[in-house]
């Protein structure tokens, strides 16, 4: 009798698993399909605010030289007077630095980066961006950004909304696109996802500047292979998305930054000098260039 009861319990447990597991699987699949169907019908409506025709940028320092010759006749148009017997050449040089300065540290303090594996590379390669917080991981999409919980050093495991409630930021950098294109989302839907993220930031931190970074291009070889295979991840499609993302500009609240200017060759493809082996990600040296490009083209 005891054996019968024991086996009956085991059989009941197995039957429960056979019923519950398939039900859970198909329920999740159905929810995913419903979400996918819903997202593909979203239509992007640009901001109605007038858009400035200029972009705020600050370029790297340049070299300046002042030379004074005998007779007090300056070369550069200044009016210095010099004893002809003691004429000297004076050169003042200011060069951009490639190492982190106090100014750069001040820039990235209280800065939030939100994005997929391309943004996550700053963490995985341990690139020094002092004071910055990263809400990103591999495979994240713009749809995940408002749903997923991530472990943030010094904060704990939080959603993006919880992070924005716990810590103040001066500026927020966004980058998504390739995962969405790969998942067959149209450009309007991707732009709407950006709007939703920007809206949440504006709601919780209205003083933060939001910088939408262009979606990164792929290499020429990767683009050619994708065109031949029918993959949607092509530079033509990426350019179409970036043109739409530019319409998110709403200064002085939301800015657009063409990050491809830091990485592209003359033909508008991701340079192999910076590209990882898959032609779609950035290798370690590229992240230093990325960080420095953000500094040189800073908004704040």
Protein backbone atom coordinates (compact mmCIF):
# COMPACT_ATOMS: atom_id res chain seq x y z
CA UNK A 1 0.00 0.00 0.00
CA UNK A 2 2.87 2.36 0.86
CA UNK A 3 4.51 1.64 -2.51
CA UNK A 4 1.28 2.40 -4.32
CA UNK A 5 0.90 5.70 -2.49
CA UNK A 6 4.52 6.62 -3.14
CA UNK A 7 4.26 5.85 -6.86
CA UNK A 8 0.91 7.62 -7.05
CA UNK A 9 2.48 10.76 -5.67
CA UNK A 10 5.35 10.54 -8.21
CA UNK A 11 2.92 10.02 -11.09
CA UNK A 12 0.84 12.96 -9.93
CA UNK A 13 3.93 15.16 -9.78
CA UNK A 14 4.96 14.15 -13.30
CA UNK A 15 1.47 14.79 -14.64
CA UNK A 16 1.47 18.22 -13.03
CA UNK A 17 4.78 19.06 -14.70
CA UNK A 18 3.48 17.86 -18.05
CA UNK A 19 0.50 20.19 -17.73
CA UNK A 20 2.09 23.26 -16.11
CA UNK A 21 5.33 23.52 -18.12
CA UNK A 22 3.70 23.50 -21.59
CA UNK A 23 1.03 25.91 -20.37
CA UNK A 24 3.68 28.35 -19.08
CA UNK A 25 5.70 28.04 -22.28
CA UNK A 26 2.81 28.72 -24.62
CA UNK A 27 1.48 31.50 -22.39
CA UNK A 28 4.84 33.30 -22.57
CA UNK A 29 5.04 32.72 -26.32
CA UNK A 30 1.56 34.12 -26.77
CA UNK A 31 2.41 37.17 -24.67
CA UNK A 32 5.55 37.75 -26.74
CA UNK A 33 3.58 37.49 -29.99
CA UNK A 34 0.94 39.86 -28.70
CA UNK A 35 3.59 42.37 -27.63
CA UNK A 36 5.35 42.04 -30.97
CA UNK A 37 2.10 42.58 -32.84
CA UNK A 38 1.38 45.64 -30.73
CA UNK A 39 4.80 47.22 -31.16
CA UNK A 40 4.84 46.92 -34.92
CA UNK A 41 1.73 49.11 -35.18
CA UNK A 42 3.16 52.07 -33.22
CA UNK A 43 3.57 55.27 -35.20
CA UNK A 44 6.29 57.80 -34.43
CA UNK A 45 5.15 61.41 -34.07
CA UNK A 46 8.03 63.92 -33.84
CA UNK A 47 8.04 66.69 -31.27
CA UNK A 48 6.13 69.80 -32.35
CA UNK A 49 8.68 72.13 -30.79
CA UNK A 50 10.69 74.29 -33.25
CA UNK A 51 14.09 72.65 -33.75
CA UNK A 52 17.26 74.77 -33.71
CA UNK A 53 19.39 74.47 -36.82
CA UNK A 54 22.62 74.47 -34.84
CA UNK A 55 24.14 71.88 -32.54
CA UNK A 56 26.06 72.73 -29.38
CA UNK A 57 29.61 71.38 -29.65
CA UNK A 58 32.98 72.16 -28.15
CA UNK A 59 36.03 71.09 -30.12
CA UNK A 60 39.46 70.05 -28.89
CA UNK A 61 42.08 72.69 -28.15
CA UNK A 62 44.41 73.86 -30.95
CA UNK A 63 48.00 75.09 -31.16
CA UNK A 64 48.65 78.87 -31.30
CA UNK A 65 51.96 80.60 -32.00
CA UNK A 66 52.95 84.25 -31.54
CA UNK A 67 56.25 85.51 -33.03
CA UNK A 68 57.73 88.96 -32.51
CA UNK A 69 60.54 90.12 -34.82
CA UNK A 70 63.06 92.97 -34.45
CA UNK A 71 61.60 96.42 -34.98
CA UNK A 72 58.40 95.70 -33.09
CA UNK A 73 56.51 94.44 -36.18
CA UNK A 74 54.41 91.50 -35.03
CA UNK A 75 53.62 88.61 -37.29
CA UNK A 76 50.21 87.84 -35.82
CA UNK A 77 48.80 91.39 -35.80
CA UNK A 78 49.42 92.21 -32.13
CA UNK A 79 51.27 95.38 -31.13
CA UNK A 80 54.08 94.36 -28.83
CA UNK A 81 57.11 96.61 -28.53
CA UNK A 82 60.46 94.85 -28.27
CA UNK A 83 64.01 96.02 -27.95
CA UNK A 84 65.54 95.12 -31.37
CA UNK A 85 68.69 93.89 -29.71
CA UNK A 86 66.79 91.39 -27.55
CA UNK A 87 64.19 90.11 -29.99
CA UNK A 88 62.94 86.61 -29.15
CA UNK A 89 60.46 84.11 -30.57
CA UNK A 90 57.68 83.18 -28.16
CA UNK A 91 55.55 80.10 -28.72
CA UNK A 92 52.52 79.13 -26.69
CA UNK A 93 51.16 75.65 -27.32
CA UNK A 94 48.02 74.01 -26.00
CA UNK A 95 47.38 70.43 -27.08
CA UNK A 96 44.41 68.13 -26.42
CA UNK A 97 45.21 65.47 -23.86
CA UNK A 98 44.54 61.78 -24.36
CA UNK A 99 44.48 61.06 -20.63
CA UNK A 100 41.58 61.72 -18.30
CA UNK A 101 41.68 65.22 -16.90
CA UNK A 102 39.75 66.75 -14.03
CA UNK A 103 37.52 68.39 -16.64
CA UNK A 104 36.62 65.01 -18.14
CA UNK A 105 35.95 63.58 -14.72
CA UNK A 106 33.61 66.48 -14.00
CA UNK A 107 31.87 65.90 -17.33
CA UNK A 108 31.07 62.23 -16.78
CA UNK A 109 30.15 62.51 -13.11
CA UNK A 110 26.40 62.00 -12.73
CA UNK A 111 26.09 60.68 -16.29
CA UNK A 112 23.89 57.71 -17.22
CA UNK A 113 24.43 55.47 -20.25
CA UNK A 114 21.51 53.34 -21.44
CA UNK A 115 21.96 50.81 -24.22
CA UNK A 116 22.61 47.31 -25.50
CA UNK A 117 25.83 45.29 -25.85
CA UNK A 118 27.59 48.15 -27.66
CA UNK A 119 27.16 50.37 -24.61
CA UNK A 120 27.87 47.45 -22.27
CA UNK A 121 31.35 47.23 -23.83
CA UNK A 122 32.44 50.15 -21.64
CA UNK A 123 31.95 47.83 -18.67
CA UNK A 124 33.18 44.58 -20.18
CA UNK A 125 36.42 46.22 -21.38
CA UNK A 126 36.75 48.17 -18.12
CA UNK A 127 37.07 51.54 -19.88
CA UNK A 128 37.53 54.34 -17.35
CA UNK A 129 34.55 56.69 -17.45
CA UNK A 130 34.74 58.16 -13.92
CA UNK A 131 31.44 58.80 -12.20
CA UNK A 132 29.27 57.36 -14.98
CA UNK A 133 26.53 54.77 -14.40
CA UNK A 134 25.64 52.15 -17.03
CA UNK A 135 22.17 50.66 -17.39
CA UNK A 136 22.99 48.21 -20.15
CA UNK A 137 23.72 44.59 -20.92
CA UNK A 138 24.08 42.21 -23.83
CA UNK A 139 20.89 41.66 -25.79
CA UNK A 140 18.98 44.56 -24.25
CA UNK A 141 16.52 46.34 -26.52
CA UNK A 142 14.69 49.63 -26.21
CA UNK A 143 11.59 47.65 -25.20
CA UNK A 144 13.54 45.99 -22.35
CA UNK A 145 14.91 49.24 -20.96
CA UNK A 146 11.74 50.12 -19.05
CA UNK A 147 11.09 46.55 -17.90
CA UNK A 148 14.38 44.88 -16.99
CA UNK A 149 16.12 45.00 -13.62
CA UNK A 150 19.90 45.28 -13.56
CA UNK A 151 22.51 45.23 -10.80
CA UNK A 152 23.97 48.74 -10.46
CA UNK A 153 27.09 49.19 -8.27
CA UNK A 154 26.30 51.21 -5.18
CA UNK A 155 22.56 51.10 -5.88
CA UNK A 156 21.51 47.45 -6.11
CA UNK A 157 19.25 45.58 -8.50
CA UNK A 158 16.80 48.11 -9.91
CA UNK A 159 14.66 48.92 -12.91
CA UNK A 160 15.46 52.06 -14.89
CA UNK A 161 12.56 53.85 -13.23
CA UNK A 162 13.85 52.90 -9.77
CA UNK A 163 17.36 54.02 -10.72
CA UNK A 164 16.06 57.41 -11.86
CA UNK A 165 14.24 57.73 -8.54
CA UNK A 166 17.32 56.85 -6.47
CA UNK A 167 20.07 58.81 -8.22
CA UNK A 168 20.17 62.20 -9.95
CA UNK A 169 21.83 62.58 -13.35
CA UNK A 170 22.95 65.63 -15.29
CA UNK A 171 22.90 63.89 -18.66
CA UNK A 172 21.72 60.60 -20.14
CA UNK A 173 23.15 58.98 -23.27
CA UNK A 174 20.95 56.56 -25.26
CA UNK A 175 21.81 54.04 -27.96
CA UNK A 176 19.71 51.20 -29.34
CA UNK A 177 18.73 49.98 -32.77
CA UNK A 178 20.52 46.89 -34.05
CA UNK A 179 18.72 44.38 -31.82
CA UNK A 180 15.40 45.93 -32.77
CA UNK A 181 16.17 45.83 -36.49
CA UNK A 182 17.25 42.21 -36.11
CA UNK A 183 13.90 41.46 -34.41
CA UNK A 184 11.97 42.91 -37.37
CA UNK A 185 10.74 46.05 -35.64
CA UNK A 186 10.09 48.95 -37.99
CA UNK A 187 11.77 52.32 -37.57
CA UNK A 188 8.64 54.05 -36.29
CA UNK A 189 8.32 51.52 -33.49
CA UNK A 190 11.96 51.94 -32.50
CA UNK A 191 11.58 55.73 -32.41
CA UNK A 192 8.45 55.40 -30.25
CA UNK A 193 10.45 53.24 -27.82
CA UNK A 194 13.02 56.03 -27.61
CA UNK A 195 10.23 58.51 -26.93
CA UNK A 196 8.94 56.35 -24.09
CA UNK A 197 12.38 56.17 -22.46
CA UNK A 198 12.92 59.91 -22.92
CA UNK A 199 9.47 60.55 -21.48
CA UNK A 200 10.27 58.54 -18.36
CA UNK A 201 13.54 60.44 -17.91
CA UNK A 202 11.74 63.78 -18.36
CA UNK A 203 9.09 62.74 -15.85
CA UNK A 204 11.51 61.73 -13.10
CA UNK A 205 14.48 64.00 -13.87
CA UNK A 206 13.32 67.02 -15.88
CA UNK A 207 16.67 68.81 -15.51
CA UNK A 208 18.70 66.04 -17.16
CA UNK A 209 19.93 66.50 -20.72
CA UNK A 210 19.20 63.50 -22.97
CA UNK A 211 21.66 62.78 -25.78
CA UNK A 212 20.42 60.35 -28.43
CA UNK A 213 23.47 58.76 -30.05
CA UNK A 214 23.19 57.52 -33.62
CA UNK A 215 22.92 53.77 -34.08
CA UNK A 216 26.34 52.43 -34.99
CA UNK A 217 27.06 51.32 -38.55
CA UNK A 218 28.45 47.88 -39.44
CA UNK A 219 31.64 47.25 -41.42
CA UNK A 220 31.67 47.18 -45.20
CA UNK A 221 32.22 43.39 -45.23
CA UNK A 222 29.37 42.81 -42.77
CA UNK A 223 27.07 45.10 -44.70
CA UNK A 224 27.82 43.27 -47.98
CA UNK A 225 27.25 39.88 -46.35
CA UNK A 226 23.96 41.03 -44.82
CA UNK A 227 22.71 42.43 -48.12
CA UNK A 228 23.46 39.12 -49.84
CA UNK A 229 21.84 37.03 -47.08
CA UNK A 230 18.77 39.23 -46.82
CA UNK A 231 19.53 40.34 -43.26
CA UNK A 232 17.83 43.57 -42.25
CA UNK A 233 20.94 44.87 -40.46
CA UNK A 234 22.41 46.97 -43.26
CA UNK A 235 23.86 50.45 -43.22
CA UNK A 236 21.05 51.67 -45.48
CA UNK A 237 18.49 50.59 -42.89
CA UNK A 238 20.60 52.04 -40.06
CA UNK A 239 20.79 55.37 -41.91
CA UNK A 240 17.01 55.41 -42.26
CA UNK A 241 16.64 54.83 -38.53
CA UNK A 242 19.17 57.54 -37.66
CA UNK A 243 17.34 60.04 -39.86
CA UNK A 244 14.23 59.35 -37.81
CA UNK A 245 16.09 59.55 -34.49
CA UNK A 246 17.30 63.03 -35.44
CA UNK A 247 13.67 64.12 -35.24
CA UNK A 248 13.72 63.38 -31.51
CA UNK A 249 15.77 66.54 -30.99
CA UNK A 250 14.03 68.89 -28.59
CA UNK A 251 16.69 71.33 -27.39
CA UNK A 252 17.51 72.25 -24.70
CA UNK A 253 16.15 68.94 -23.42
CA UNK A 254 16.99 66.33 -26.06
CA UNK A 255 20.02 66.35 -28.38
CA UNK A 256 21.25 64.11 -31.19
CA UNK A 257 24.91 63.14 -31.57
CA UNK A 258 26.28 61.41 -34.66
CA UNK A 259 28.61 58.95 -32.96
CA UNK A 260 29.42 57.32 -36.32
CA UNK A 261 31.64 60.32 -37.03
CA UNK A 262 34.10 58.83 -34.55
CA UNK A 263 34.22 55.39 -36.17
CA UNK A 264 33.35 55.53 -39.86
CA UNK A 265 35.57 55.35 -42.91
CA UNK A 266 35.03 57.71 -45.85
CA UNK A 267 32.43 55.38 -47.36
CA UNK A 268 30.24 55.57 -44.25
CA UNK A 269 30.96 52.12 -42.84
CA UNK A 270 32.38 51.07 -39.48
CA UNK A 271 36.18 51.12 -39.67
CA UNK A 272 37.97 47.82 -39.16
CA UNK A 273 40.40 49.75 -36.94
CA UNK A 274 37.65 49.88 -34.32
CA UNK A 275 35.34 46.99 -35.24
CA UNK A 276 35.29 43.68 -33.38
CA UNK A 277 35.45 40.45 -35.38
CA UNK A 278 31.71 40.26 -36.03
CA UNK A 279 31.70 43.65 -37.77
CA UNK A 280 28.87 44.88 -35.53
CA UNK A 281 30.55 45.62 -32.22
CA UNK A 282 33.46 47.79 -31.06
CA UNK A 283 36.73 46.43 -29.72
CA UNK A 284 38.52 47.83 -26.67
CA UNK A 285 40.48 50.61 -28.39
CA UNK A 286 37.24 51.90 -29.89
CA UNK A 287 35.75 52.63 -26.49
CA UNK A 288 38.55 55.00 -25.60
CA UNK A 289 37.90 56.82 -28.89
CA UNK A 290 34.18 56.81 -28.10
CA UNK A 291 34.70 58.30 -24.63
CA UNK A 292 37.03 61.00 -26.01
CA UNK A 293 34.58 61.82 -28.81
CA UNK A 294 31.84 62.39 -26.23
CA UNK A 295 34.17 64.70 -24.33
CA UNK A 296 35.09 66.71 -27.44
CA UNK A 297 31.43 67.03 -28.46
CA UNK A 298 29.98 67.55 -25.02
CA UNK A 299 26.66 69.26 -24.48
CA UNK A 300 27.21 70.44 -20.89
